């Protein structure tokens, strides 16, 4: 089946769905809210402080607790990769004082809209107002999830 369910449609969930779809998986986001990126919408006072443009090795020095935890992740996809990716998918960005990165428009909604467009282009299914309440596990393997209404949704992978 190669179906991947992503629980949550925030920034990480949207990026996970995009990544899974690039790998040829059938990706599906289940989001409990009425729209994707609800918290992303309010970041940076509505402007969306995307990341910081300092070099990746310097970026990690600003992580307060256990920056080593992020080393392997940053070796795969770091802040510089994120900036390149956003521009590649059509979101112009700018760098301000303190190396803070924002969309040129200063609107977090443009970040969300850009990611939503990529989800649509990649045929990722998005289901809003869907509360996931538990994992569906049989024989010590994940089979999918349970929605709050008790409905089972089958998947090969749950993120």
Protein backbone atom coordinates (compact mmCIF):
# COMPACT_ATOMS: atom_id res chain seq x y z
CA UNK A 1 0.00 0.00 0.00
CA UNK A 2 2.79 2.47 0.87
CA UNK A 3 0.33 4.76 2.66
CA UNK A 4 1.78 7.23 5.14
CA UNK A 5 -0.42 9.03 7.66
CA UNK A 6 0.97 12.22 9.13
CA UNK A 7 -0.72 13.25 12.37
CA UNK A 8 -0.77 17.03 12.45
CA UNK A 9 -0.71 19.64 9.73
CA UNK A 10 1.79 22.05 11.18
CA UNK A 11 5.09 22.95 9.53
CA UNK A 12 6.70 19.59 10.38
CA UNK A 13 3.64 17.63 9.27
CA UNK A 14 3.42 19.44 5.95
CA UNK A 15 7.15 18.95 5.31
CA UNK A 16 6.88 15.25 6.26
CA UNK A 17 3.99 14.78 3.82
CA UNK A 18 5.89 16.51 1.03
CA UNK A 19 8.94 14.37 1.72
CA UNK A 20 6.90 11.14 1.78
CA UNK A 21 5.20 12.04 -1.48
CA UNK A 22 8.58 12.65 -3.11
CA UNK A 23 9.49 9.08 -2.12
CA UNK A 24 6.46 7.80 -4.02
CA UNK A 25 4.33 7.21 -0.94
CA UNK A 26 0.63 8.01 -0.73
CA UNK A 27 0.68 10.68 1.99
CA UNK A 28 -2.28 11.79 4.06
CA UNK A 29 -2.35 14.53 6.70
CA UNK A 30 -4.88 14.32 9.52
CA UNK A 31 -5.21 17.69 11.25
CA UNK A 32 -7.44 18.32 14.26
CA UNK A 33 -7.85 22.04 13.54
CA UNK A 34 -9.94 23.71 10.84
CA UNK A 35 -6.86 24.69 8.83
CA UNK A 36 -3.24 23.73 8.27
CA UNK A 37 -0.40 25.66 9.88
CA UNK A 38 -2.45 27.22 12.65
CA UNK A 39 0.58 27.87 14.89
CA UNK A 40 2.75 28.78 11.90
CA UNK A 41 0.22 31.51 11.17
CA UNK A 42 1.01 33.35 14.42
CA UNK A 43 4.80 32.96 14.49
CA UNK A 44 6.89 36.09 14.25
CA UNK A 45 3.83 38.21 15.14
CA UNK A 46 2.10 36.98 12.00
CA UNK A 47 5.17 37.51 9.80
CA UNK A 48 6.54 33.95 10.25
CA UNK A 49 10.12 33.92 11.42
CA UNK A 50 11.06 30.93 9.25
CA UNK A 51 14.61 30.29 10.45
CA UNK A 52 17.93 32.02 11.01
CA UNK A 53 20.39 32.55 8.17
CA UNK A 54 23.60 32.04 10.14
CA UNK A 55 25.80 29.12 9.02
CA UNK A 56 24.44 25.74 10.11
CA UNK A 57 27.32 25.03 12.52
CA UNK A 58 26.77 28.39 14.23
CA UNK A 59 23.01 27.83 14.27
CA UNK A 60 23.47 24.79 16.52
CA UNK A 61 25.52 26.79 19.04
CA UNK A 62 22.33 28.71 19.85
CA UNK A 63 20.38 25.59 20.81
CA UNK A 64 20.10 25.77 24.58
CA UNK A 65 19.54 22.12 25.45
CA UNK A 66 21.55 19.30 23.87
CA UNK A 67 22.45 20.66 20.42
CA UNK A 68 24.16 17.34 19.60
CA UNK A 69 20.69 15.86 19.35
CA UNK A 70 20.22 17.83 16.10
CA UNK A 71 23.57 17.00 14.43
CA UNK A 72 22.34 14.02 12.44
CA UNK A 73 19.15 15.83 11.40
CA UNK A 74 21.07 18.91 10.33
CA UNK A 75 23.43 16.77 8.27
CA UNK A 76 20.36 15.75 6.22
CA UNK A 77 18.44 19.04 6.06
CA UNK A 78 19.52 22.25 7.76
CA UNK A 79 18.43 25.89 7.95
CA UNK A 80 20.24 26.74 4.71
CA UNK A 81 18.49 23.85 2.94
CA UNK A 82 15.15 25.15 4.24
CA UNK A 83 15.78 28.61 2.83
CA UNK A 84 16.83 27.14 -0.53
CA UNK A 85 13.77 24.88 -0.58
CA UNK A 86 11.31 27.69 0.12
CA UNK A 87 12.72 29.82 -2.66
CA UNK A 88 12.73 26.80 -5.00
CA UNK A 89 8.99 26.25 -4.43
CA UNK A 90 8.23 29.90 -5.08
CA UNK A 91 8.33 31.66 -1.72
CA UNK A 92 10.64 34.70 -1.82
CA UNK A 93 12.40 35.20 1.51
CA UNK A 94 14.46 37.96 3.09
CA UNK A 95 16.99 38.17 5.89
CA UNK A 96 16.73 40.89 8.52
CA UNK A 97 18.81 41.99 11.50
CA UNK A 98 19.95 39.15 13.67
CA UNK A 99 19.93 36.91 10.59
CA UNK A 100 16.18 36.30 11.02
CA UNK A 101 14.49 34.99 7.88
CA UNK A 102 10.97 36.04 6.85
CA UNK A 103 8.84 35.80 3.71
CA UNK A 104 9.35 38.96 1.60
CA UNK A 105 5.62 39.66 1.97
CA UNK A 106 5.89 39.62 5.79
CA UNK A 107 2.81 37.36 5.80
CA UNK A 108 2.88 33.96 7.47
CA UNK A 109 -0.16 33.08 5.38
CA UNK A 110 2.08 33.12 2.28
CA UNK A 111 4.29 30.43 3.82
CA UNK A 112 1.26 28.28 4.59
CA UNK A 113 -0.29 28.89 1.18
CA UNK A 114 2.97 27.94 -0.56
CA UNK A 115 3.26 24.68 1.38
CA UNK A 116 -0.43 23.93 0.74
CA UNK A 117 0.14 24.41 -2.98
CA UNK A 118 3.01 21.92 -2.92
CA UNK A 119 0.84 19.44 -0.99
CA UNK A 120 -1.87 19.78 -3.63
CA UNK A 121 0.63 19.48 -6.50
CA UNK A 122 2.02 16.30 -4.92
CA UNK A 123 -1.51 14.87 -4.42
CA UNK A 124 -1.24 14.74 -0.64
CA UNK A 125 -4.63 14.16 0.96
CA UNK A 126 -5.49 16.61 3.72
CA UNK A 127 -8.29 15.91 6.18
CA UNK A 128 -9.13 18.75 8.55
CA UNK A 129 -11.05 18.49 11.84
CA UNK A 130 -9.80 14.91 12.28
CA UNK A 131 -8.71 14.12 15.82
CA UNK A 132 -6.38 11.13 16.04
CA UNK A 133 -6.77 9.48 19.42
CA UNK A 134 -4.63 6.34 19.25
CA UNK A 135 -2.39 4.12 17.18
CA UNK A 136 -3.85 0.94 15.72
CA UNK A 137 -1.35 -1.80 16.61
CA UNK A 138 -1.70 -5.51 15.89
CA UNK A 139 0.97 -8.19 16.32
CA UNK A 140 3.42 -5.52 17.50
CA UNK A 141 3.10 -3.65 14.20
CA UNK A 142 1.47 -0.34 13.41
CA UNK A 143 -1.56 -0.85 11.20
CA UNK A 144 -2.80 2.75 11.25
CA UNK A 145 -4.64 5.07 13.61
CA UNK A 146 -7.96 5.46 15.39
CA UNK A 147 -9.91 8.68 14.98
CA UNK A 148 -11.79 10.15 17.94
CA UNK A 149 -15.05 8.71 16.60
CA UNK A 150 -13.56 5.20 16.73
CA UNK A 151 -12.95 4.90 12.97
CA UNK A 152 -9.82 2.99 11.94
CA UNK A 153 -7.63 4.38 9.20
CA UNK A 154 -5.14 1.91 7.75
CA UNK A 155 -1.56 2.91 6.95
CA UNK A 156 1.85 1.34 6.47
CA UNK A 157 3.57 4.18 8.33
CA UNK A 158 2.38 6.74 10.89
CA UNK A 159 4.34 9.91 11.54
